[in-house]
Amino acid sequence: MFLGTVVALTKRIRACEGSLRIVCPSARMRAVFAHSGLADSY
């Protein structure tokens, strides 16, 4: 559910000519982004 929120926010931020970076030092958390197919987008 949060991953969907990140995608929706990214669209809104980019529509406003902004950008988003993610701080995520946990390998376990990064794996969640990777398994969802989002790792290459951020």
All heavy atoms as atom14 arrays in JSON, in Angstrom:
{
  "sequence": "MFLGTVVALTKRIRACEGSLRIVCPSARMRAVFAHSGLADSY",
  "atom14_mask": [
    [1, 1, 1, 1, 1, 1, 1, 1, 0, 0, 0, 0, 0, 0],
    [1, 1, 1, 1, 1, 1, 1, 1, 1, 1, 1, 0, 0, 0],
    [1, 1, 1, 1, 1, 1, 1, 1, 0, 0, 0, 0, 0, 0],
    [1, 1, 1, 1, 0, 0, 0, 0, 0, 0, 0, 0, 0, 0],
    [1, 1, 1, 1, 1, 1, 1, 0, 0, 0, 0, 0, 0, 0],
    [1, 1, 1, 1, 1, 1, 1, 0, 0, 0, 0, 0, 0, 0],
    [1, 1, 1, 1, 1, 1, 1, 0, 0, 0, 0, 0, 0, 0],
    [1, 1, 1, 1, 1, 0, 0, 0, 0, 0, 0, 0, 0, 0],
    [1, 1, 1, 1, 1, 1, 1, 1, 0, 0, 0, 0, 0, 0],
    [1, 1, 1, 1, 1, 1, 1, 0, 0, 0, 0, 0, 0, 0],
    [1, 1, 1, 1, 1, 1, 1, 1, 1, 0, 0, 0, 0, 0],
    [1, 1, 1, 1, 1, 1, 1, 1, 1, 1, 1, 0, 0, 0],
    [1, 1, 1, 1, 1, 1, 1, 1, 0, 0, 0, 0, 0, 0],
    [1, 1, 1, 1, 1, 1, 1, 1, 1, 1, 1, 0, 0, 0],
    [1, 1, 1, 1, 1, 0, 0, 0, 0, 0, 0, 0, 0, 0],
    [1, 1, 1, 1, 1, 1, 0, 0, 0, 0, 0, 0, 0, 0],
    [1, 1, 1, 1, 1, 1, 1, 1, 1, 0, 0, 0, 0, 0],
    [1, 1, 1, 1, 0, 0, 0, 0, 0, 0, 0, 0, 0, 0],
    [1, 1, 1, 1, 1, 1, 0, 0, 0, 0, 0, 0, 0, 0],
    [1, 1, 1, 1, 1, 1, 1, 1, 0, 0, 0, 0, 0, 0],
    [1, 1, 1, 1, 1, 1, 1, 1, 1, 1, 1, 0, 0, 0],
    [1, 1, 1, 1, 1, 1, 1, 1, 0, 0, 0, 0, 0, 0],
    [1, 1, 1, 1, 1, 1, 1, 0, 0, 0, 0, 0, 0, 0],
    [1, 1, 1, 1, 1, 1, 0, 0, 0, 0, 0, 0, 0, 0],
    [1, 1, 1, 1, 1, 1, 1, 0, 0, 0, 0, 0, 0, 0],
    [1, 1, 1, 1, 1, 1, 0, 0, 0, 0, 0, 0, 0, 0],
    [1, 1, 1, 1, 1, 0, 0, 0, 0, 0, 0, 0, 0, 0],
    [1, 1, 1, 1, 1, 1, 1, 1, 1, 1, 1, 0, 0, 0],
    [1, 1, 1, 1, 1, 1, 1, 1, 0, 0, 0, 0, 0, 0],
    [1, 1, 1, 1, 1, 1, 1, 1, 1, 1, 1, 0, 0, 0],
    [1, 1, 1, 1, 1, 0, 0, 0, 0, 0, 0, 0, 0, 0],
    [1, 1, 1, 1, 1, 1, 1, 0, 0, 0, 0, 0, 0, 0],
    [1, 1, 1, 1, 1, 1, 1, 1, 1, 1, 1, 0, 0, 0],
    [1, 1, 1, 1, 1, 0, 0, 0, 0, 0, 0, 0, 0, 0],
    [1, 1, 1, 1, 1, 1, 1, 1, 1, 1, 0, 0, 0, 0],
    [1, 1, 1, 1, 1, 1, 0, 0, 0, 0, 0, 0, 0, 0],
    [1, 1, 1, 1, 0, 0, 0, 0, 0, 0, 0, 0, 0, 0],
    [1, 1, 1, 1, 1, 1, 1, 1, 0, 0, 0, 0, 0, 0],
    [1, 1, 1, 1, 1, 0, 0, 0, 0, 0, 0, 0, 0, 0],
    [1, 1, 1, 1, 1, 1, 1, 1, 0, 0, 0, 0, 0, 0],
    [1, 1, 1, 1, 1, 1, 0, 0, 0, 0, 0, 0, 0, 0],
    [1, 1, 1, 1, 1, 1, 1, 1, 1, 1, 1, 1, 0, 0]
  ],
  "atom14_positions": [
    [[0.84, -1.2, 0.0], [0.0, 0.0, 0.0], [0.88, 1.25, 0.0], [0.61, 2.21, -0.73], [-0.92, 0.0, 1.21], [-1.95, 1.09, 1.16], [-3.09, 0.88, -0.2], [-4.44, 0.14, 0.66], [0.0, 0.0, 0.0], [0.0, 0.0, 0.0], [0.0, 0.0, 0.0], [0.0, 0.0, 0.0], [0.0, 0.0, 0.0], [0.0, 0.0, 0.0]],
    [[1.94, 1.23, 0.8], [2.85, 2.37, 0.82], [3.59, 2.49, -0.51], [3.81, 3.6, -0.99], [3.84, 2.28, 1.97], [4.83, 3.41, 1.95], [4.42, 4.7, 2.25], [6.14, 3.19, 1.58], [5.31, 5.77, 2.18], [7.04, 4.25, 1.52], [6.62, 5.53, 1.82], [0.0, 0.0, 0.0], [0.0, 0.0, 0.0], [0.0, 0.0, 0.0]],
    [[3.98, 1.36, -1.11], [4.65, 1.43, -2.41], [3.76, 2.12, -3.44], [4.23, 2.93, -4.24], [5.06, 0.03, -2.89], [6.14, -0.66, -2.07], [6.37, -2.06, -2.62], [7.43, 0.14, -2.05], [0.0, 0.0, 0.0], [0.0, 0.0, 0.0], [0.0, 0.0, 0.0], [0.0, 0.0, 0.0], [0.0, 0.0, 0.0], [0.0, 0.0, 0.0]],
    [[2.47, 1.81, -3.41], [1.54, 2.5, -4.3], [1.48, 3.99, -4.02], [1.38, 4.8, -4.94], [0.0, 0.0, 0.0], [0.0, 0.0, 0.0], [0.0, 0.0, 0.0], [0.0, 0.0, 0.0], [0.0, 0.0, 0.0], [0.0, 0.0, 0.0], [0.0, 0.0, 0.0], [0.0, 0.0, 0.0], [0.0, 0.0, 0.0], [0.0, 0.0, 0.0]],
    [[1.58, 4.35, -2.75], [1.6, 5.77, -2.37], [2.85, 6.44, -2.92], [2.78, 7.57, -3.42], [1.53, 5.9, -0.83], [0.29, 5.33, -0.4], [1.62, 7.35, -0.39], [0.0, 0.0, 0.0], [0.0, 0.0, 0.0], [0.0, 0.0, 0.0], [0.0, 0.0, 0.0], [0.0, 0.0, 0.0], [0.0, 0.0, 0.0], [0.0, 0.0, 0.0]],
    [[3.98, 5.77, -2.86], [5.23, 6.34, -3.4], [5.09, 6.59, -4.9], [5.47, 7.64, -5.4], [6.44, 5.42, -3.11], [7.68, 5.88, -3.87], [6.73, 5.38, -1.61], [0.0, 0.0, 0.0], [0.0, 0.0, 0.0], [0.0, 0.0, 0.0], [0.0, 0.0, 0.0], [0.0, 0.0, 0.0], [0.0, 0.0, 0.0], [0.0, 0.0, 0.0]],
    [[4.51, 5.64, -5.62], [4.32, 5.8, -7.06], [3.39, 6.99, -7.34], [3.69, 7.83, -8.19], [3.78, 4.51, -7.7], [3.36, 4.74, -9.15], [4.82, 3.4, -7.61], [0.0, 0.0, 0.0], [0.0, 0.0, 0.0], [0.0, 0.0, 0.0], [0.0, 0.0, 0.0], [0.0, 0.0, 0.0], [0.0, 0.0, 0.0], [0.0, 0.0, 0.0]],
    [[2.28, 7.07, -6.62], [1.34, 8.18, -6.82], [1.99, 9.52, -6.5], [1.82, 10.5, -7.25], [0.1, 7.97, -5.96], [0.0, 0.0, 0.0], [0.0, 0.0, 0.0], [0.0, 0.0, 0.0], [0.0, 0.0, 0.0], [0.0, 0.0, 0.0], [0.0, 0.0, 0.0], [0.0, 0.0, 0.0], [0.0, 0.0, 0.0], [0.0, 0.0, 0.0]],
    [[2.75, 9.57, -5.41], [3.44, 10.82, -5.06], [4.48, 11.19, -6.1], [4.64, 12.37, -6.42], [4.08, 10.7, -3.67], [3.12, 10.73, -2.5], [3.86, 10.43, -1.2], [2.39, 12.07, -2.42], [0.0, 0.0, 0.0], [0.0, 0.0, 0.0], [0.0, 0.0, 0.0], [0.0, 0.0, 0.0], [0.0, 0.0, 0.0], [0.0, 0.0, 0.0]],
    [[5.17, 10.2, -6.6], [6.19, 10.46, -7.63], [5.56, 11.13, -8.84], [6.1, 12.1, -9.38], [6.9, 9.16, -8.03], [7.52, 8.6, -6.88], [7.95, 9.41, -9.1], [0.0, 0.0, 0.0], [0.0, 0.0, 0.0], [0.0, 0.0, 0.0], [0.0, 0.0, 0.0], [0.0, 0.0, 0.0], [0.0, 0.0, 0.0], [0.0, 0.0, 0.0]],
    [[4.42, 10.63, -9.26], [3.72, 11.22, -10.41], [3.35, 12.68, -10.13], [3.53, 13.54, -10.98], [2.48, 10.41, -10.76], [2.81, 9.07, -11.36], [1.56, 8.27, -11.64], [1.91, 6.91, -12.21], [0.72, 6.11, -12.48], [0.0, 0.0, 0.0], [0.0, 0.0, 0.0], [0.0, 0.0, 0.0], [0.0, 0.0, 0.0], [0.0, 0.0, 0.0]],
    [[2.83, 12.95, -8.94], [2.44, 14.31, -8.58], [3.66, 15.23, -8.5], [3.64, 16.37, -8.97], [1.69, 14.33, -7.25], [0.35, 13.67, -7.27], [-0.7, 14.46, -8.05], [-1.11, 15.69, -7.43], [-2.08, 15.82, -6.55], [-2.78, 14.78, -6.16], [-2.36, 17.0, -6.05], [0.0, 0.0, 0.0], [0.0, 0.0, 0.0], [0.0, 0.0, 0.0]],
    [[4.73, 14.73, -7.88], [5.96, 15.53, -7.74], [6.53, 15.85, -9.11], [6.9, 17.0, -9.39], [6.98, 14.79, -6.85], [6.5, 14.77, -5.39], [8.36, 15.43, -6.95], [7.27, 13.81, -4.49], [0.0, 0.0, 0.0], [0.0, 0.0, 0.0], [0.0, 0.0, 0.0], [0.0, 0.0, 0.0], [0.0, 0.0, 0.0], [0.0, 0.0, 0.0]],
    [[6.61, 14.86, -9.97], [7.17, 15.08, -11.31], [6.28, 15.99, -12.15], [6.77, 16.76, -12.97], [7.44, 13.76, -12.0], [8.62, 13.04, -11.36], [8.93, 11.75, -12.03], [10.11, 11.12, -11.41], [10.51, 9.91, -11.66], [9.85, 9.15, -12.52], [11.58, 9.42, -11.05], [0.0, 0.0, 0.0], [0.0, 0.0, 0.0], [0.0, 0.0, 0.0]],
    [[4.96, 15.92, -11.95], [4.05, 16.82, -12.66], [4.3, 18.28, -12.26], [4.02, 19.19, -13.04], [2.6, 16.44, -12.36], [0.0, 0.0, 0.0], [0.0, 0.0, 0.0], [0.0, 0.0, 0.0], [0.0, 0.0, 0.0], [0.0, 0.0, 0.0], [0.0, 0.0, 0.0], [0.0, 0.0, 0.0], [0.0, 0.0, 0.0], [0.0, 0.0, 0.0]],
    [[4.85, 18.48, -11.07], [5.21, 19.82, -10.59], [6.67, 20.15, -10.87], [7.24, 21.06, -10.26], [4.92, 19.93, -9.1], [3.2, 19.82, -8.67], [0.0, 0.0, 0.0], [0.0, 0.0, 0.0], [0.0, 0.0, 0.0], [0.0, 0.0, 0.0], [0.0, 0.0, 0.0], [0.0, 0.0, 0.0], [0.0, 0.0, 0.0], [0.0, 0.0, 0.0]],
    [[7.3, 19.36, -11.77], [8.71, 19.52, -12.14], [9.63, 19.33, -10.96], [10.68, 19.96, -10.85], [8.95, 20.86, -12.82], [8.19, 20.99, -14.12], [8.51, 22.29, -14.85], [9.25, 23.13, -14.32], [8.0, 22.45, -15.97], [0.0, 0.0, 0.0], [0.0, 0.0, 0.0], [0.0, 0.0, 0.0], [0.0, 0.0, 0.0], [0.0, 0.0, 0.0]],
    [[9.26, 18.42, -10.06], [10.09, 18.1, -8.9], [10.75, 16.75, -9.05], [10.65, 16.1, -10.09], [0.0, 0.0, 0.0], [0.0, 0.0, 0.0], [0.0, 0.0, 0.0], [0.0, 0.0, 0.0], [0.0, 0.0, 0.0], [0.0, 0.0, 0.0], [0.0, 0.0, 0.0], [0.0, 0.0, 0.0], [0.0, 0.0, 0.0], [0.0, 0.0, 0.0]],
    [[11.42, 16.34, -7.98], [12.11, 15.05, -7.99], [12.03, 14.41, -6.61], [11.74, 15.08, -5.62], [13.57, 15.24, -8.43], [14.24, 16.13, -7.55], [0.0, 0.0, 0.0], [0.0, 0.0, 0.0], [0.0, 0.0, 0.0], [0.0, 0.0, 0.0], [0.0, 0.0, 0.0], [0.0, 0.0, 0.0], [0.0, 0.0, 0.0], [0.0, 0.0, 0.0]],
    [[12.29, 13.1, -6.58], [12.2, 12.34, -5.34], [13.39, 11.4, -5.23], [13.7, 10.67, -6.17], [10.9, 11.53, -5.31], [10.73, 10.57, -4.14], [10.55, 11.35, -2.84], [9.53, 9.65, -4.38], [0.0, 0.0, 0.0], [0.0, 0.0, 0.0], [0.0, 0.0, 0.0], [0.0, 0.0, 0.0], [0.0, 0.0, 0.0], [0.0, 0.0, 0.0]],
    [[14.04, 11.44, -4.08], [15.1, 10.5, -3.74], [14.66, 9.75, -2.49], [13.92, 10.29, -1.67], [16.41, 11.24, -3.45], [16.99, 11.88, -4.68], [18.27, 12.61, -4.37], [18.9, 13.02, -5.61], [20.04, 13.68, -5.67], [20.67, 14.02, -4.55], [20.55, 14.01, -6.83], [0.0, 0.0, 0.0], [0.0, 0.0, 0.0], [0.0, 0.0, 0.0]],
    [[15.13, 8.52, -2.36], [14.73, 7.69, -1.22], [15.96, 7.29, -0.43], [16.94, 6.78, -0.99], [13.95, 6.45, -1.69], [12.68, 6.88, -2.42], [13.63, 5.54, -0.5], [11.89, 5.75, -3.03], [0.0, 0.0, 0.0], [0.0, 0.0, 0.0], [0.0, 0.0, 0.0], [0.0, 0.0, 0.0], [0.0, 0.0, 0.0], [0.0, 0.0, 0.0]],
    [[15.91, 7.52, 0.89], [16.95, 7.08, 1.79], [16.46, 5.78, 2.41], [15.42, 5.75, 3.07], [17.24, 8.12, 2.9], [18.24, 7.56, 3.9], [17.75, 9.41, 2.28], [0.0, 0.0, 0.0], [0.0, 0.0, 0.0], [0.0, 0.0, 0.0], [0.0, 0.0, 0.0], [0.0, 0.0, 0.0], [0.0, 0.0, 0.0], [0.0, 0.0, 0.0]],
    [[17.21, 4.72, 2.15], [16.8, 3.4, 2.61], [18.05, 2.55, 2.81], [18.46, 1.82, 1.91], [15.87, 2.78, 1.57], [15.14, 1.24, 2.05], [0.0, 0.0, 0.0], [0.0, 0.0, 0.0], [0.0, 0.0, 0.0], [0.0, 0.0, 0.0], [0.0, 0.0, 0.0], [0.0, 0.0, 0.0], [0.0, 0.0, 0.0], [0.0, 0.0, 0.0]],
    [[18.67, 2.63, 3.97], [19.91, 1.89, 4.2], [19.69, 0.39, 4.4], [20.63, -0.39, 4.29], [20.49, 2.53, 5.45], [19.34, 3.12, 6.16], [18.35, 3.5, 5.09], [0.0, 0.0, 0.0], [0.0, 0.0, 0.0], [0.0, 0.0, 0.0], [0.0, 0.0, 0.0], [0.0, 0.0, 0.0], [0.0, 0.0, 0.0], [0.0, 0.0, 0.0]],
    [[18.48, -0.04, 4.65], [18.18, -1.44, 4.93], [18.1, -2.26, 3.64], [17.29, -1.97, 2.76], [16.84, -1.53, 5.68], [16.34, -2.84, 5.65], [0.0, 0.0, 0.0], [0.0, 0.0, 0.0], [0.0, 0.0, 0.0], [0.0, 0.0, 0.0], [0.0, 0.0, 0.0], [0.0, 0.0, 0.0], [0.0, 0.0, 0.0], [0.0, 0.0, 0.0]],
    [[18.91, -3.3, 3.56], [18.88, -4.19, 2.4], [17.52, -4.89, 2.3], [17.0, -5.1, 1.2], [19.99, -5.22, 2.49], [0.0, 0.0, 0.0], [0.0, 0.0, 0.0], [0.0, 0.0, 0.0], [0.0, 0.0, 0.0], [0.0, 0.0, 0.0], [0.0, 0.0, 0.0], [0.0, 0.0, 0.0], [0.0, 0.0, 0.0], [0.0, 0.0, 0.0]],
    [[16.93, -5.19, 3.43], [15.62, -5.85, 3.45], [14.56, -4.93, 2.84], [13.72, -5.38, 2.06], [15.27, -6.21, 4.89], [13.99, -7.0, 5.03], [13.76, -7.45, 6.47], [13.87, -6.39, 7.46], [12.88, -5.6, 7.83], [11.7, -5.73, 7.28], [13.06, -4.67, 8.75], [0.0, 0.0, 0.0], [0.0, 0.0, 0.0], [0.0, 0.0, 0.0]],
    [[14.61, -3.65, 3.18], [13.65, -2.69, 2.63], [13.88, -2.47, 1.13], [12.91, -2.38, 0.37], [13.74, -1.35, 3.36], [13.33, -1.46, 4.78], [11.59, -1.37, 4.91], [11.51, -0.19, 6.2], [0.0, 0.0, 0.0], [0.0, 0.0, 0.0], [0.0, 0.0, 0.0], [0.0, 0.0, 0.0], [0.0, 0.0, 0.0], [0.0, 0.0, 0.0]],
    [[15.12, -2.39, 0.74], [15.4, -2.22, -0.69], [14.92, -3.42, -1.48], [14.49, -3.28, -2.62], [16.9, -1.99, -0.92], [17.33, -0.61, -0.53], [18.71, -0.31, -1.04], [19.2, 0.91, -0.46], [20.27, 1.53, -0.9], [20.96, 1.05, -1.91], [20.66, 2.65, -0.33], [0.0, 0.0, 0.0], [0.0, 0.0, 0.0], [0.0, 0.0, 0.0]],
    [[14.97, -4.59, -0.85], [14.47, -5.8, -1.52], [12.97, -5.69, -1.8], [12.49, -6.18, -2.82], [14.77, -7.03, -0.67], [0.0, 0.0, 0.0], [0.0, 0.0, 0.0], [0.0, 0.0, 0.0], [0.0, 0.0, 0.0], [0.0, 0.0, 0.0], [0.0, 0.0, 0.0], [0.0, 0.0, 0.0], [0.0, 0.0, 0.0], [0.0, 0.0, 0.0]],
    [[12.23, -5.02, -0.92], [10.79, -4.82, -1.15], [10.59, -3.99, -2.42], [9.76, -4.31, -3.26], [10.12, -4.14, 0.07], [8.68, -3.79, -0.23], [10.22, -5.04, 1.3], [0.0, 0.0, 0.0], [0.0, 0.0, 0.0], [0.0, 0.0, 0.0], [0.0, 0.0, 0.0], [0.0, 0.0, 0.0], [0.0, 0.0, 0.0], [0.0, 0.0, 0.0]],
    [[11.39, -2.94, -2.57], [11.31, -2.13, -3.79], [11.72, -2.96, -5.01], [11.09, -2.87, -6.07], [12.21, -0.89, -3.67], [11.62, 0.22, -2.86], [11.89, 0.32, -1.5], [10.81, 1.18, -3.44], [11.35, 1.35, -0.74], [10.26, 2.21, -2.68], [10.53, 2.29, -1.33], [0.0, 0.0, 0.0], [0.0, 0.0, 0.0], [0.0, 0.0, 0.0]],
    [[12.75, -3.77, -4.87], [13.22, -4.6, -5.98], [12.17, -5.63, -6.4], [11.87, -5.78, -7.58], [14.52, -5.29, -5.6], [0.0, 0.0, 0.0], [0.0, 0.0, 0.0], [0.0, 0.0, 0.0], [0.0, 0.0, 0.0], [0.0, 0.0, 0.0], [0.0, 0.0, 0.0], [0.0, 0.0, 0.0], [0.0, 0.0, 0.0], [0.0, 0.0, 0.0]],
    [[11.59, -6.32, -5.43], [10.58, -7.35, -5.74], [9.32, -6.76, -6.35], [8.61, -7.44, -7.08], [10.23, -8.16, -4.49], [11.36, -9.0, -3.99], [12.1, -9.85, -4.78], [11.89, -9.11, -2.75], [13.03, -10.44, -4.07], [12.94, -10.0, -2.83], [0.0, 0.0, 0.0], [0.0, 0.0, 0.0], [0.0, 0.0, 0.0], [0.0, 0.0, 0.0]],
    [[9.07, -5.51, -6.07], [7.89, -4.86, -6.64], [8.16, -4.28, -8.03], [7.25, -3.78, -8.67], [7.42, -3.74, -5.71], [8.36, -2.69, -5.71], [0.0, 0.0, 0.0], [0.0, 0.0, 0.0], [0.0, 0.0, 0.0], [0.0, 0.0, 0.0], [0.0, 0.0, 0.0], [0.0, 0.0, 0.0], [0.0, 0.0, 0.0], [0.0, 0.0, 0.0]],
    [[9.41, -4.32, -8.46], [9.77, -3.78, -9.76], [10.05, -2.28, -9.75], [10.2, -1.67, -10.8], [0.0, 0.0, 0.0], [0.0, 0.0, 0.0], [0.0, 0.0, 0.0], [0.0, 0.0, 0.0], [0.0, 0.0, 0.0], [0.0, 0.0, 0.0], [0.0, 0.0, 0.0], [0.0, 0.0, 0.0], [0.0, 0.0, 0.0], [0.0, 0.0, 0.0]],
    [[10.15, -1.69, -8.56], [10.34, -0.24, -8.46], [11.79, 0.2, -8.25], [12.08, 1.38, -8.32], [9.49, 0.33, -7.31], [7.98, 0.24, -7.5], [7.27, 0.7, -6.24], [7.55, 1.05, -8.7], [0.0, 0.0, 0.0], [0.0, 0.0, 0.0], [0.0, 0.0, 0.0], [0.0, 0.0, 0.0], [0.0, 0.0, 0.0], [0.0, 0.0, 0.0]],
    [[12.67, -0.73, -7.98], [14.05, -0.36, -7.62], [14.75, 0.47, -8.69], [15.5, 1.39, -8.36], [14.87, -1.6, -7.3], [0.0, 0.0, 0.0], [0.0, 0.0, 0.0], [0.0, 0.0, 0.0], [0.0, 0.0, 0.0], [0.0, 0.0, 0.0], [0.0, 0.0, 0.0], [0.0, 0.0, 0.0], [0.0, 0.0, 0.0], [0.0, 0.0, 0.0]],
    [[14.49, 0.18, -9.95], [15.17, 0.91, -11.02], [14.56, 2.29, -11.28], [15.1, 3.08, -12.04], [15.14, 0.1, -12.32], [15.99, -1.15, -12.22], [16.92, -1.18, -11.38], [15.73, -2.1, -12.99], [0.0, 0.0, 0.0], [0.0, 0.0, 0.0], [0.0, 0.0, 0.0], [0.0, 0.0, 0.0], [0.0, 0.0, 0.0], [0.0, 0.0, 0.0]],
    [[13.45, 2.59, -10.64], [12.76, 3.86, -10.86], [13.19, 4.97, -9.91], [12.78, 6.11, -10.07], [11.25, 3.67, -10.73], [10.79, 2.74, -11.68], [0.0, 0.0, 0.0], [0.0, 0.0, 0.0], [0.0, 0.0, 0.0], [0.0, 0.0, 0.0], [0.0, 0.0, 0.0], [0.0, 0.0, 0.0], [0.0, 0.0, 0.0], [0.0, 0.0, 0.0]],
    [[14.0, 4.62, -8.91], [14.38, 5.59, -7.89], [15.87, 5.55, -7.61], [16.53, 4.54, -7.82], [13.61, 5.3, -6.58], [12.14, 5.49, -6.75], [11.31, 4.4, -7.04], [11.56, 6.75, -6.68], [9.96, 4.58, -7.24], [10.2, 6.93, -6.88], [9.41, 5.83, -7.16], [8.08, 6.01, -7.37], [0.0, 0.0, 0.0], [0.0, 0.0, 0.0]]
  ]
}
